[in-house]
Amino acid sequence: MILQSIWFFIWGLLWAIFFMTDGFDFGVGALLPFAGKTETDKRIMINAIGPLWDGNEVWLITAGGVTFAAFPTLYAVMFSSFYTPLLLILFALIIRGVSFEFRGKIDSPAWRRVWDTCIFIGSVAPAVLLGVAFANIFRGLPIGPHGSYHGNLLMLLNPYGLLGGALFLALFVMHGALWLCIRTEGNLQTRFFEIAEALWLPLVILAILFFVASYFATPLYANYFAHPILFSVILLAVAGLFGIKIFIAGNSYFKAWISSCVAIVSSTFFGIIGLYPNMFPSYIDPAYSLTAYNSSSSEHTLTIMLVVVLIFIPIVIAYQVWAYKMFTDKVNEDDLAYEEAY
């Protein structure tokens, strides 16, 4: 049971890291049609995430791989219950990746508008769909005996699910705006500062609504009331949100972005901790829920995987820290002249 609990934590951590890293990419893509007033502005925005966006998506592959290897039953039910949303997310990510490469291949405003629209859709759709999916997991799914799913796509679009989608999108857009504050300068930086400042209050309102709605729509708070120390996770999310406001006001954009990271990770773990030991709770009958215990691989498999993870995950993290440090300089018009620029 200890191994299953460890892997449950790792599973949640990998999703949180994915939201934290790829979240600002989604945010930049969502802002592109609105904040990019000129072609130069748009190219600077894209190049601000250019060296990092594809590496960030490694965490999505890792989270999916861990689900497959550590919790194969969960993986099977996930792809049967969320088949359509997962395919939509996959297609959106493919379209987004292609768009970054193709938009500059032909010197035509109409050509670029098409690919800019694809970047926007390929950024907004995964953000919203992931929020809807996780909110529905927190709420519970219509899972019957033997992991059979008794629902459809429209059932996922309930008020609580849509609120989760809106919160994820707002978190990611704020995350992207703060990243652009770090990577840009001059009037463009001022524009993203104003966007982040204007978005803060709507984001806080959405977060409050989500935490309150979770009390009524989900069983997440049961673990918190059983172990009150866990409320510190919610307080950490609140601290992250208010840290954004404080550091924006002081023009400390990197600290504001770190605060946004804290808010995203804490908000994710708010749900993960509330779920434990459930992974896909069933609202048809709790006995049909998929848990860390009844959906996991054998202890031998989990042990081998744990050794591999303890060796390679720190290496991946070290590489990403190095990459982020390499690409934290400001992006300006001179950088757009390089052949490798987008």
C-alpha atoms as a PDB file:
ATOM      1  CA  MET A   1       0.000   0.000   0.000  1.00  0.00           C
ATOM      2  CA  ILE A   2       2.949   2.329   0.595  1.00  0.00           C
ATOM      3  CA  LEU A   3       4.143   1.931  -2.995  1.00  0.00           C
ATOM      4  CA  GLN A   4       0.668   2.641  -4.360  1.00  0.00           C
ATOM      5  CA  SER A   5       0.489   5.784  -2.240  1.00  0.00           C
ATOM      6  CA  ILE A   6       3.918   6.937  -3.436  1.00  0.00           C
ATOM      7  CA  TRP A   7       2.904   6.436  -7.052  1.00  0.00           C
ATOM      8  CA  PHE A   8      -0.377   8.236  -6.463  1.00  0.00           C
ATOM      9  CA  PHE A   9       1.652  11.242  -5.275  1.00  0.00           C
ATOM     10  CA  ILE A  10       4.046  10.960  -8.258  1.00  0.00           C
ATOM     11  CA  TRP A  11       1.064  10.740 -10.627  1.00  0.00           C
ATOM     12  CA  GLY A  12      -0.382  13.942  -9.203  1.00  0.00           C
ATOM     13  CA  LEU A  13       3.003  15.665  -9.134  1.00  0.00           C
ATOM     14  CA  LEU A  14       3.661  14.989 -12.818  1.00  0.00           C
ATOM     15  CA  TRP A  15       0.301  16.482 -13.797  1.00  0.00           C
ATOM     16  CA  ALA A  16       1.024  19.516 -11.606  1.00  0.00           C
ATOM     17  CA  ILE A  17       4.456  20.000 -13.234  1.00  0.00           C
ATOM     18  CA  PHE A  18       2.874  19.744 -16.679  1.00  0.00           C
ATOM     19  CA  PHE A  19       0.303  22.408 -15.816  1.00  0.00           C
ATOM     20  CA  MET A  20       3.032  24.607 -14.327  1.00  0.00           C
ATOM     21  CA  THR A  21       5.385  24.361 -17.320  1.00  0.00           C
ATOM     22  CA  ASP A  22       3.157  24.045 -20.376  1.00  0.00           C
ATOM     23  CA  GLY A  23       0.585  26.333 -18.756  1.00  0.00           C
ATOM     24  CA  PHE A  24       2.427  29.514 -19.713  1.00  0.00           C
ATOM     25  CA  ASP A  25       2.758  28.228 -23.306  1.00  0.00           C
ATOM     26  CA  PHE A  26      -1.009  27.827 -23.455  1.00  0.00           C
ATOM     27  CA  GLY A  27      -1.392  31.292 -21.956  1.00  0.00           C
ATOM     28  CA  VAL A  28       0.866  32.913 -24.546  1.00  0.00           C
ATOM     29  CA  GLY A  29      -1.010  31.152 -27.361  1.00  0.00           C
ATOM     30  CA  ALA A  30      -4.339  32.309 -25.943  1.00  0.00           C
ATOM     31  CA  LEU A  31      -3.079  35.912 -25.815  1.00  0.00           C
ATOM     32  CA  LEU A  32      -1.522  35.895 -29.300  1.00  0.00           C
ATOM     33  CA  PRO A  33      -4.474  37.229 -31.377  1.00  0.00           C
ATOM     34  CA  PHE A  34      -5.344  39.924 -28.830  1.00  0.00           C
ATOM     35  CA  ALA A  35      -2.057  41.120 -27.353  1.00  0.00           C
ATOM     36  CA  GLY A  36       0.013  40.790 -30.522  1.00  0.00           C
ATOM     37  CA  LYS A  37      -0.808  44.085 -32.254  1.00  0.00           C
ATOM     38  CA  THR A  38       1.805  43.741 -35.002  1.00  0.00           C
ATOM     39  CA  GLU A  39       3.644  40.914 -36.714  1.00  0.00           C
ATOM     40  CA  THR A  40       6.768  41.846 -34.738  1.00  0.00           C
ATOM     41  CA  ASP A  41       4.821  41.629 -31.479  1.00  0.00           C
ATOM     42  CA  LYS A  42       3.511  38.180 -32.388  1.00  0.00           C
ATOM     43  CA  ARG A  43       6.938  36.896 -33.366  1.00  0.00           C
ATOM     44  CA  ILE A  44       8.417  38.144 -30.100  1.00  0.00           C
ATOM     45  CA  MET A  45       5.616  36.394 -28.176  1.00  0.00           C
ATOM     46  CA  ILE A  46       6.189  33.104 -29.991  1.00  0.00           C
ATOM     47  CA  ASN A  47       9.965  33.323 -29.640  1.00  0.00           C
ATOM     48  CA  ALA A  48       9.539  33.964 -25.905  1.00  0.00           C
ATOM     49  CA  ILE A  49       8.327  30.359 -25.584  1.00  0.00           C
ATOM     50  CA  GLY A  50      10.055  29.012 -28.700  1.00  0.00           C
ATOM     51  CA  PRO A  51      12.969  27.143 -27.064  1.00  0.00           C
ATOM     52  CA  LEU A  52      10.813  25.698 -24.277  1.00  0.00           C
ATOM     53  CA  TRP A  53       7.264  24.782 -25.343  1.00  0.00           C
ATOM     54  CA  ASP A  54       8.075  21.372 -26.849  1.00  0.00           C
ATOM     55  CA  GLY A  55      10.260  20.384 -23.880  1.00  0.00           C
ATOM     56  CA  ASN A  56       7.429  21.317 -21.515  1.00  0.00           C
ATOM     57  CA  GLU A  57       5.146  18.803 -23.202  1.00  0.00           C
ATOM     58  CA  VAL A  58       7.499  16.010 -22.112  1.00  0.00           C
ATOM     59  CA  TRP A  59       5.712  16.180 -18.755  1.00  0.00           C
ATOM     60  CA  LEU A  60       2.405  15.325 -20.434  1.00  0.00           C
ATOM     61  CA  ILE A  61       3.998  12.248 -22.000  1.00  0.00           C
ATOM     62  CA  THR A  62       5.548  11.358 -18.641  1.00  0.00           C
ATOM     63  CA  ALA A  63       2.223  11.736 -16.807  1.00  0.00           C
ATOM     64  CA  GLY A  64       0.515   9.566 -19.439  1.00  0.00           C
ATOM     65  CA  GLY A  65       3.316   6.998 -19.296  1.00  0.00           C
ATOM     66  CA  VAL A  66       3.117   6.770 -15.513  1.00  0.00           C
ATOM     67  CA  THR A  67      -0.647   6.298 -15.731  1.00  0.00           C
ATOM     68  CA  PHE A  68      -0.154   3.460 -18.223  1.00  0.00           C
ATOM     69  CA  ALA A  69       2.641   1.718 -16.324  1.00  0.00           C
ATOM     70  CA  ALA A  70       1.681   2.294 -12.687  1.00  0.00           C
ATOM     71  CA  PHE A  71      -2.126   2.295 -12.998  1.00  0.00           C
ATOM     72  CA  PRO A  72      -3.034   0.293 -16.131  1.00  0.00           C
ATOM     73  CA  THR A  73      -6.669  -0.191 -15.152  1.00  0.00           C
ATOM     74  CA  LEU A  74      -7.056   3.556 -14.663  1.00  0.00           C
ATOM     75  CA  TYR A  75      -5.378   4.138 -18.036  1.00  0.00           C
ATOM     76  CA  ALA A  76      -7.854   1.818 -19.768  1.00  0.00           C
ATOM     77  CA  VAL A  77     -10.886   3.449 -18.164  1.00  0.00           C
ATOM     78  CA  MET A  78      -9.487   6.935 -18.777  1.00  0.00           C
ATOM     79  CA  PHE A  79      -9.227   6.360 -22.510  1.00  0.00           C
ATOM     80  CA  SER A  80     -12.686   4.831 -22.696  1.00  0.00           C
ATOM     81  CA  SER A  81     -14.382   7.525 -20.594  1.00  0.00           C
ATOM     82  CA  PHE A  82     -12.410  10.553 -21.853  1.00  0.00           C
ATOM     83  CA  TYR A  83     -11.761   9.243 -25.364  1.00  0.00           C
ATOM     84  CA  THR A  84     -13.253  12.234 -27.212  1.00  0.00           C
ATOM     85  CA  PRO A  85     -11.755  14.965 -24.964  1.00  0.00           C
ATOM     86  CA  LEU A  86      -8.341  13.281 -25.050  1.00  0.00           C
ATOM     87  CA  LEU A  87      -8.411  13.069 -28.844  1.00  0.00           C
ATOM     88  CA  LEU A  88      -9.442  16.732 -29.047  1.00  0.00           C
ATOM     89  CA  ILE A  89      -6.537  17.650 -26.759  1.00  0.00           C
ATOM     90  CA  LEU A  90      -4.145  15.577 -28.881  1.00  0.00           C
ATOM     91  CA  PHE A  91      -5.319  17.155 -32.156  1.00  0.00           C
ATOM     92  CA  ALA A  92      -5.134  20.636 -30.608  1.00  0.00           C
ATOM     93  CA  LEU A  93      -1.543  20.050 -29.457  1.00  0.00           C
ATOM     94  CA  ILE A  94      -0.563  18.746 -32.906  1.00  0.00           C
ATOM     95  CA  ILE A  95      -2.155  21.752 -34.616  1.00  0.00           C
ATOM     96  CA  ARG A  96      -0.394  24.133 -32.231  1.00  0.00           C
ATOM     97  CA  GLY A  97       3.017  22.539 -32.782  1.00  0.00           C
ATOM     98  CA  VAL A  98       2.611  22.590 -36.571  1.00  0.00           C
ATOM     99  CA  SER A  99       1.430  26.213 -36.470  1.00  0.00           C
ATOM    100  CA  PHE A 100       4.595  27.454 -34.763  1.00  0.00           C
ATOM    101  CA  GLU A 101       6.659  25.996 -37.596  1.00  0.00           C
ATOM    102  CA  PHE A 102       4.390  26.816 -40.550  1.00  0.00           C
ATOM    103  CA  ARG A 103       3.242  30.396 -39.855  1.00  0.00           C
ATOM    104  CA  GLY A 104       6.521  31.917 -41.088  1.00  0.00           C
ATOM    105  CA  LYS A 105       6.979  29.731 -44.169  1.00  0.00           C
ATOM    106  CA  ILE A 106       5.040  32.051 -46.525  1.00  0.00           C
ATOM    107  CA  ASP A 107       5.183  35.842 -46.387  1.00  0.00           C
ATOM    108  CA  SER A 108       1.441  36.393 -46.496  1.00  0.00           C
ATOM    109  CA  PRO A 109      -0.784  38.081 -43.855  1.00  0.00           C
ATOM    110  CA  ALA A 110      -3.670  35.732 -44.668  1.00  0.00           C
ATOM    111  CA  TRP A 111      -1.404  32.676 -44.283  1.00  0.00           C
ATOM    112  CA  ARG A 112      -0.164  33.905 -40.903  1.00  0.00           C
ATOM    113  CA  ARG A 113      -3.709  34.681 -39.707  1.00  0.00           C
ATOM    114  CA  VAL A 114      -4.728  31.081 -40.361  1.00  0.00           C
ATOM    115  CA  TRP A 115      -1.852  29.713 -38.310  1.00  0.00           C
ATOM    116  CA  ASP A 116      -2.293  32.323 -35.576  1.00  0.00           C
ATOM    117  CA  THR A 117      -5.879  31.155 -35.241  1.00  0.00           C
ATOM    118  CA  CYS A 118      -4.638  27.572 -35.022  1.00  0.00           C
ATOM    119  CA  ILE A 119      -2.166  28.549 -32.284  1.00  0.00           C
ATOM    120  CA  PHE A 120      -5.013  30.215 -30.395  1.00  0.00           C
ATOM    121  CA  ILE A 121      -7.321  27.192 -30.713  1.00  0.00           C
ATOM    122  CA  GLY A 122      -4.461  24.780 -30.007  1.00  0.00           C
ATOM    123  CA  SER A 123      -3.725  26.637 -26.770  1.00  0.00           C
ATOM    124  CA  VAL A 124      -7.220  27.429 -25.461  1.00  0.00           C
ATOM    125  CA  ALA A 125      -8.791  24.027 -26.220  1.00  0.00           C
ATOM    126  CA  PRO A 126      -6.320  21.904 -24.165  1.00  0.00           C
ATOM    127  CA  ALA A 127      -6.447  24.372 -21.264  1.00  0.00           C
ATOM    128  CA  VAL A 128     -10.245  24.294 -21.096  1.00  0.00           C
ATOM    129  CA  LEU A 129     -10.593  20.557 -21.778  1.00  0.00           C
ATOM    130  CA  LEU A 130      -8.010  19.619 -19.137  1.00  0.00           C
ATOM    131  CA  GLY A 131      -9.811  21.807 -16.616  1.00  0.00           C
ATOM    132  CA  VAL A 132     -13.174  20.240 -17.505  1.00  0.00           C
ATOM    133  CA  ALA A 133     -11.713  16.726 -17.310  1.00  0.00           C
ATOM    134  CA  PHE A 134     -10.052  17.177 -13.916  1.00  0.00           C
ATOM    135  CA  ALA A 135     -13.079  18.957 -12.454  1.00  0.00           C
ATOM    136  CA  ASN A 136     -15.230  15.998 -13.488  1.00  0.00           C
ATOM    137  CA  ILE A 137     -12.742  13.594 -11.922  1.00  0.00           C
ATOM    138  CA  PHE A 138     -12.982  15.573  -8.684  1.00  0.00           C
ATOM    139  CA  ARG A 139     -16.787  15.516  -8.952  1.00  0.00           C
ATOM    140  CA  GLY A 140     -16.990  11.811  -9.733  1.00  0.00           C
ATOM    141  CA  LEU A 141     -17.709   9.871 -12.900  1.00  0.00           C
ATOM    142  CA  PRO A 142     -20.517   7.502 -13.932  1.00  0.00           C
ATOM    143  CA  ILE A 143     -18.341   4.389 -13.635  1.00  0.00           C
ATOM    144  CA  GLY A 144     -20.094   1.049 -13.260  1.00  0.00           C
ATOM    145  CA  PRO A 145     -18.891  -2.502 -12.591  1.00  0.00           C
ATOM    146  CA  HIS A 146     -15.547  -3.556 -14.112  1.00  0.00           C
ATOM    147  CA  GLY A 147     -14.693   0.063 -14.997  1.00  0.00           C
ATOM    148  CA  SER A 148     -17.512   0.464 -17.511  1.00  0.00           C
ATOM    149  CA  TYR A 149     -18.256   4.114 -18.307  1.00  0.00           C
ATOM    150  CA  HIS A 150     -21.926   5.152 -18.470  1.00  0.00           C
ATOM    151  CA  GLY A 151     -21.615   8.702 -19.749  1.00  0.00           C
ATOM    152  CA  ASN A 152     -20.890  10.884 -22.788  1.00  0.00           C
ATOM    153  CA  LEU A 153     -19.111  14.115 -23.681  1.00  0.00           C
ATOM    154  CA  LEU A 154     -22.092  16.339 -22.938  1.00  0.00           C
ATOM    155  CA  MET A 155     -22.303  14.992 -19.380  1.00  0.00           C
ATOM    156  CA  LEU A 156     -18.822  16.390 -18.769  1.00  0.00           C
ATOM    157  CA  LEU A 157     -20.020  19.897 -19.675  1.00  0.00           C
ATOM    158  CA  ASN A 158     -21.801  20.422 -16.373  1.00  0.00           C
ATOM    159  CA  PRO A 159     -21.517  23.733 -14.444  1.00  0.00           C
ATOM    160  CA  TYR A 160     -18.753  22.482 -12.145  1.00  0.00           C
ATOM    161  CA  GLY A 161     -16.790  21.038 -15.074  1.00  0.00           C
ATOM    162  CA  LEU A 162     -17.082  24.294 -17.042  1.00  0.00           C
ATOM    163  CA  LEU A 163     -15.999  26.244 -13.955  1.00  0.00           C
ATOM    164  CA  GLY A 164     -12.888  24.056 -13.800  1.00  0.00           C
ATOM    165  CA  GLY A 165     -12.210  24.754 -17.469  1.00  0.00           C
ATOM    166  CA  ALA A 166     -12.580  28.512 -16.936  1.00  0.00           C
ATOM    167  CA  LEU A 167     -10.243  28.416 -13.912  1.00  0.00           C
ATOM    168  CA  PHE A 168      -7.555  26.472 -15.772  1.00  0.00           C
ATOM    169  CA  LEU A 169      -7.732  28.889 -18.713  1.00  0.00           C
ATOM    170  CA  ALA A 170      -7.508  31.939 -16.429  1.00  0.00           C
ATOM    171  CA  LEU A 171      -4.558  30.446 -14.510  1.00  0.00           C
ATOM    172  CA  PHE A 172      -2.702  29.676 -17.732  1.00  0.00           C
ATOM    173  CA  VAL A 173      -3.384  33.069 -19.345  1.00  0.00           C
ATOM    174  CA  MET A 174      -2.086  34.794 -16.203  1.00  0.00           C
ATOM    175  CA  HIS A 175       0.926  32.451 -16.234  1.00  0.00           C
ATOM    176  CA  GLY A 176       1.604  33.312 -19.877  1.00  0.00           C
ATOM    177  CA  ALA A 177       1.221  37.059 -19.339  1.00  0.00           C
ATOM    178  CA  LEU A 178       3.728  36.960 -16.481  1.00  0.00           C
ATOM    179  CA  TRP A 179       6.175  34.942 -18.581  1.00  0.00           C
ATOM    180  CA  LEU A 180       5.915  37.561 -21.327  1.00  0.00           C
ATOM    181  CA  CYS A 181       6.588  40.276 -18.729  1.00  0.00           C
ATOM    182  CA  ILE A 182       9.844  38.451 -17.993  1.00  0.00           C
ATOM    183  CA  ARG A 183      10.860  37.899 -21.631  1.00  0.00           C
ATOM    184  CA  THR A 184       9.851  41.241 -23.222  1.00  0.00           C
ATOM    185  CA  GLU A 185      10.744  44.894 -22.747  1.00  0.00           C
ATOM    186  CA  GLY A 186       9.468  48.395 -23.396  1.00  0.00           C
ATOM    187  CA  ASN A 187       5.893  49.004 -24.501  1.00  0.00           C
ATOM    188  CA  LEU A 188       5.277  45.303 -25.080  1.00  0.00           C
ATOM    189  CA  GLN A 189       6.242  44.474 -21.507  1.00  0.00           C
ATOM    190  CA  THR A 190       3.950  47.254 -20.266  1.00  0.00           C
ATOM    191  CA  ARG A 191       1.079  45.749 -22.261  1.00  0.00           C
ATOM    192  CA  PHE A 192       1.508  42.335 -20.626  1.00  0.00           C
ATOM    193  CA  PHE A 193       1.859  43.963 -17.214  1.00  0.00           C
ATOM    194  CA  GLU A 194      -1.514  45.644 -17.767  1.00  0.00           C
ATOM    195  CA  ILE A 195      -3.068  42.349 -18.919  1.00  0.00           C
ATOM    196  CA  ALA A 196      -1.780  40.504 -15.836  1.00  0.00           C
ATOM    197  CA  GLU A 197      -2.978  43.290 -13.556  1.00  0.00           C
ATOM    198  CA  ALA A 198      -6.450  43.327 -15.155  1.00  0.00           C
ATOM    199  CA  LEU A 199      -6.750  39.531 -15.060  1.00  0.00           C
ATOM    200  CA  TRP A 200      -5.873  39.142 -11.382  1.00  0.00           C
ATOM    201  CA  LEU A 201      -9.282  39.932  -9.878  1.00  0.00           C
ATOM    202  CA  PRO A 202     -11.284  37.714 -12.301  1.00  0.00           C
ATOM    203  CA  LEU A 203      -8.793  34.908 -11.588  1.00  0.00           C
ATOM    204  CA  VAL A 204      -9.233  35.268  -7.822  1.00  0.00           C
ATOM    205  CA  ILE A 205     -13.031  35.288  -8.204  1.00  0.00           C
ATOM    206  CA  LEU A 206     -12.909  32.123 -10.317  1.00  0.00           C
ATOM    207  CA  ALA A 207     -10.599  30.447  -7.779  1.00  0.00           C
ATOM    208  CA  ILE A 208     -12.923  31.324  -4.888  1.00  0.00           C
ATOM    209  CA  LEU A 209     -15.952  30.061  -6.823  1.00  0.00           C
ATOM    210  CA  PHE A 210     -14.133  26.810  -7.620  1.00  0.00           C
ATOM    211  CA  PHE A 211     -13.034  26.157  -4.037  1.00  0.00           C
ATOM    212  CA  VAL A 212     -16.527  26.921  -2.735  1.00  0.00           C
ATOM    213  CA  ALA A 213     -18.264  24.900  -5.472  1.00  0.00           C
ATOM    214  CA  SER A 214     -15.964  21.973  -4.689  1.00  0.00           C
ATOM    215  CA  TYR A 215     -17.470  21.820  -1.208  1.00  0.00           C
ATOM    216  CA  PHE A 216     -20.961  21.316  -2.626  1.00  0.00           C
ATOM    217  CA  ALA A 217     -20.231  19.409  -5.849  1.00  0.00           C
ATOM    218  CA  THR A 218     -17.475  17.023  -4.756  1.00  0.00           C
ATOM    219  CA  PRO A 219     -16.364  14.902  -1.796  1.00  0.00           C
ATOM    220  CA  LEU A 220     -12.886  16.469  -1.881  1.00  0.00           C
ATOM    221  CA  TYR A 221     -13.131  18.180   1.490  1.00  0.00           C
ATOM    222  CA  ALA A 222     -13.618  14.912   3.393  1.00  0.00           C
ATOM    223  CA  ASN A 223      -9.859  14.356   3.545  1.00  0.00           C
ATOM    224  CA  TYR A 224      -9.306  17.959   4.629  1.00  0.00           C
ATOM    225  CA  PHE A 225     -11.755  17.803   7.508  1.00  0.00           C
ATOM    226  CA  ALA A 226     -10.269  14.460   8.564  1.00  0.00           C
ATOM    227  CA  HIS A 227      -6.758  15.977   8.544  1.00  0.00           C
ATOM    228  CA  PRO A 228      -7.028  19.775   9.032  1.00  0.00           C
ATOM    229  CA  ILE A 229      -3.295  20.242   8.397  1.00  0.00           C
ATOM    230  CA  LEU A 230      -4.095  19.653   4.718  1.00  0.00           C
ATOM    231  CA  PHE A 231      -5.872  23.013   4.559  1.00  0.00           C
ATOM    232  CA  SER A 232      -2.350  24.439   4.298  1.00  0.00           C
ATOM    233  CA  VAL A 233      -2.441  23.402   0.626  1.00  0.00           C
ATOM    234  CA  ILE A 234      -5.409  25.705   0.028  1.00  0.00           C
ATOM    235  CA  LEU A 235      -3.677  28.469   1.993  1.00  0.00           C
ATOM    236  CA  LEU A 236      -0.610  27.983  -0.214  1.00  0.00           C
ATOM    237  CA  ALA A 237      -2.761  28.434  -3.333  1.00  0.00           C
ATOM    238  CA  VAL A 238      -4.221  31.617  -1.832  1.00  0.00           C
ATOM    239  CA  ALA A 239      -0.715  32.838  -0.963  1.00  0.00           C
ATOM    240  CA  GLY A 240       0.361  32.192  -4.550  1.00  0.00           C
ATOM    241  CA  LEU A 241      -2.543  34.219  -5.933  1.00  0.00           C
ATOM    242  CA  PHE A 242      -1.874  37.160  -3.613  1.00  0.00           C
ATOM    243  CA  GLY A 243       1.860  36.845  -4.260  1.00  0.00           C
ATOM    244  CA  ILE A 244       1.128  37.487  -7.938  1.00  0.00           C
ATOM    245  CA  LYS A 245      -0.599  40.760  -7.073  1.00  0.00           C
ATOM    246  CA  ILE A 246       2.106  41.902  -4.661  1.00  0.00           C
ATOM    247  CA  PHE A 247       5.013  41.132  -6.985  1.00  0.00           C
ATOM    248  CA  ILE A 248       3.295  42.590 -10.059  1.00  0.00           C
ATOM    249  CA  ALA A 249       2.840  45.849  -8.149  1.00  0.00           C
ATOM    250  CA  GLY A 250       6.566  45.826  -7.353  1.00  0.00           C
ATOM    251  CA  ASN A 251       7.543  44.999 -10.972  1.00  0.00           C
ATOM    252  CA  SER A 252       9.150  41.778  -9.729  1.00  0.00           C
ATOM    253  CA  TYR A 253       7.913  39.728 -12.661  1.00  0.00           C
ATOM    254  CA  PHE A 254       9.957  36.604 -12.057  1.00  0.00           C
ATOM    255  CA  LYS A 255       8.753  36.400  -8.457  1.00  0.00           C
ATOM    256  CA  ALA A 256       5.188  36.961  -9.690  1.00  0.00           C
ATOM    257  CA  TRP A 257       5.653  34.071 -12.150  1.00  0.00           C
ATOM    258  CA  ILE A 258       6.982  31.841  -9.360  1.00  0.00           C
ATOM    259  CA  SER A 259       3.908  32.790  -7.310  1.00  0.00           C
ATOM    260  CA  SER A 260       1.788  31.738 -10.281  1.00  0.00           C
ATOM    261  CA  CYS A 261       3.645  28.405 -10.325  1.00  0.00           C
ATOM    262  CA  VAL A 262       2.803  27.965  -6.640  1.00  0.00           C
ATOM    263  CA  ALA A 263      -0.870  28.773  -7.285  1.00  0.00           C
ATOM    264  CA  ILE A 264      -1.103  26.250 -10.155  1.00  0.00           C
ATOM    265  CA  VAL A 265       0.671  23.421  -8.321  1.00  0.00           C
ATOM    266  CA  SER A 266      -1.263  24.020  -5.090  1.00  0.00           C
ATOM    267  CA  SER A 267      -4.606  24.180  -6.913  1.00  0.00           C
ATOM    268  CA  THR A 268      -3.807  20.887  -8.633  1.00  0.00           C
ATOM    269  CA  PHE A 269      -2.840  19.241  -5.360  1.00  0.00           C
ATOM    270  CA  PHE A 270      -5.995  20.582  -3.729  1.00  0.00           C
ATOM    271  CA  GLY A 271      -7.878  18.132  -5.946  1.00  0.00           C
ATOM    272  CA  ILE A 272      -5.299  15.337  -5.853  1.00  0.00           C
ATOM    273  CA  ILE A 273      -5.179  15.301  -2.050  1.00  0.00           C
ATOM    274  CA  GLY A 274      -8.956  15.455  -1.831  1.00  0.00           C
ATOM    275  CA  LEU A 275      -9.253  12.456  -4.156  1.00  0.00           C
ATOM    276  CA  TYR A 276      -6.891  10.134  -2.290  1.00  0.00           C
ATOM    277  CA  PRO A 277      -7.011   7.171  -2.415  1.00  0.00           C
ATOM    278  CA  ASN A 278      -9.547   7.473  -5.255  1.00  0.00           C
ATOM    279  CA  MET A 279      -8.283   8.256  -8.730  1.00  0.00           C
ATOM    280  CA  PHE A 280     -11.535   7.937 -10.689  1.00  0.00           C
ATOM    281  CA  PRO A 281     -14.331   8.049  -8.079  1.00  0.00           C
ATOM    282  CA  SER A 282     -17.707   6.649  -9.158  1.00  0.00           C
ATOM    283  CA  TYR A 283     -20.872   8.481  -8.203  1.00  0.00           C
ATOM    284  CA  ILE A 284     -22.960   5.459  -9.226  1.00  0.00           C
ATOM    285  CA  ASP A 285     -21.522   3.442  -6.359  1.00  0.00           C
ATOM    286  CA  PRO A 286     -18.290   4.127  -4.404  1.00  0.00           C
ATOM    287  CA  ALA A 287     -17.516   0.406  -4.669  1.00  0.00           C
ATOM    288  CA  TYR A 288     -16.952   0.917  -8.424  1.00  0.00           C
ATOM    289  CA  SER A 289     -14.356   3.661  -7.893  1.00  0.00           C
ATOM    290  CA  LEU A 290     -10.845   3.184  -9.226  1.00  0.00           C
ATOM    291  CA  THR A 291      -8.333   3.746  -6.456  1.00  0.00           C
ATOM    292  CA  ALA A 292      -4.575   3.759  -6.111  1.00  0.00           C
ATOM    293  CA  TYR A 293      -4.916   0.235  -4.734  1.00  0.00           C
ATOM    294  CA  ASN A 294      -7.318  -1.572  -7.072  1.00  0.00           C
ATOM    295  CA  SER A 295      -5.969  -0.111 -10.321  1.00  0.00           C
ATOM    296  CA  SER A 296      -2.204  -0.344  -9.770  1.00  0.00           C
ATOM    297  CA  SER A 297       0.421  -2.621 -11.242  1.00  0.00           C
ATOM    298  CA  SER A 298       2.169  -5.275  -9.174  1.00  0.00           C
ATOM    299  CA  GLU A 299       4.470  -4.196  -6.348  1.00  0.00           C
ATOM    300  CA  HIS A 300       7.457  -5.590  -8.268  1.00  0.00           C
ATOM    301  CA  THR A 301       6.645  -3.349 -11.243  1.00  0.00           C
ATOM    302  CA  LEU A 302       6.102  -0.321  -9.014  1.00  0.00           C
ATOM    303  CA  THR A 303       9.435  -0.943  -7.262  1.00  0.00           C
ATOM    304  CA  ILE A 304      11.402  -1.121 -10.511  1.00  0.00           C
ATOM    305  CA  MET A 305       9.656   1.982 -11.837  1.00  0.00           C
ATOM    306  CA  LEU A 306      10.380   3.885  -8.639  1.00  0.00           C
ATOM    307  CA  VAL A 307      14.104   3.214  -8.997  1.00  0.00           C
ATOM    308  CA  VAL A 308      13.996   4.435 -12.608  1.00  0.00           C
ATOM    309  CA  VAL A 309      12.052   7.569 -11.663  1.00  0.00           C
ATOM    310  CA  LEU A 310      14.389   8.431  -8.782  1.00  0.00           C
ATOM    311  CA  ILE A 311      17.323   8.273 -11.205  1.00  0.00           C
ATOM    312  CA  PHE A 312      15.942   9.994 -14.314  1.00  0.00           C
ATOM    313  CA  ILE A 313      13.401  12.553 -13.099  1.00  0.00           C
ATOM    314  CA  PRO A 314      16.083  14.627 -11.301  1.00  0.00           C
ATOM    315  CA  ILE A 315      18.117  14.551 -14.537  1.00  0.00           C
ATOM    316  CA  VAL A 316      15.141  15.836 -16.528  1.00  0.00           C
ATOM    317  CA  ILE A 317      14.469  18.540 -13.945  1.00  0.00           C
ATOM    318  CA  ALA A 318      18.146  19.587 -13.963  1.00  0.00           C
ATOM    319  CA  TYR A 319      18.080  19.822 -17.756  1.00  0.00           C
ATOM    320  CA  GLN A 320      14.936  21.942 -17.732  1.00  0.00           C
ATOM    321  CA  VAL A 321      16.337  24.264 -15.079  1.00  0.00           C
ATOM    322  CA  TRP A 322      19.411  24.715 -17.280  1.00  0.00           C
ATOM    323  CA  ALA A 323      17.235  25.346 -20.349  1.00  0.00           C
ATOM    324  CA  TYR A 324      15.103  27.929 -18.535  1.00  0.00           C
ATOM    325  CA  LYS A 325      18.241  29.659 -17.281  1.00  0.00           C
ATOM    326  CA  MET A 326      19.651  29.739 -20.820  1.00  0.00           C
ATOM    327  CA  PHE A 327      16.512  31.345 -22.243  1.00  0.00           C
ATOM    328  CA  THR A 328      15.540  33.986 -19.701  1.00  0.00           C
ATOM    329  CA  ASP A 329      17.031  36.939 -21.577  1.00  0.00           C
ATOM    330  CA  LYS A 330      14.725  39.489 -23.124  1.00  0.00           C
ATOM    331  CA  VAL A 331      13.482  38.804 -26.655  1.00  0.00           C
ATOM    332  CA  ASN A 332      13.679  41.836 -28.939  1.00  0.00           C
ATOM    333  CA  GLU A 333      13.522  42.661 -32.647  1.00  0.00           C
ATOM    334  CA  ASP A 334      17.216  41.861 -33.155  1.00  0.00           C
ATOM    335  CA  ASP A 335      16.577  38.247 -32.081  1.00  0.00           C
ATOM    336  CA  LEU A 336      14.025  37.832 -34.869  1.00  0.00           C
ATOM    337  CA  ALA A 337      16.781  38.161 -37.481  1.00  0.00           C
ATOM    338  CA  TYR A 338      18.373  34.845 -36.483  1.00  0.00           C
ATOM    339  CA  GLU A 339      17.702  31.953 -38.836  1.00  0.00           C
ATOM    340  CA  GLU A 340      16.400  29.716 -36.040  1.00  0.00           C
ATOM    341  CA  ALA A 341      13.886  32.324 -34.875  1.00  0.00           C
ATOM    342  CA  TYR A 342      10.172  31.679 -35.438  1.00  0.00           C
END
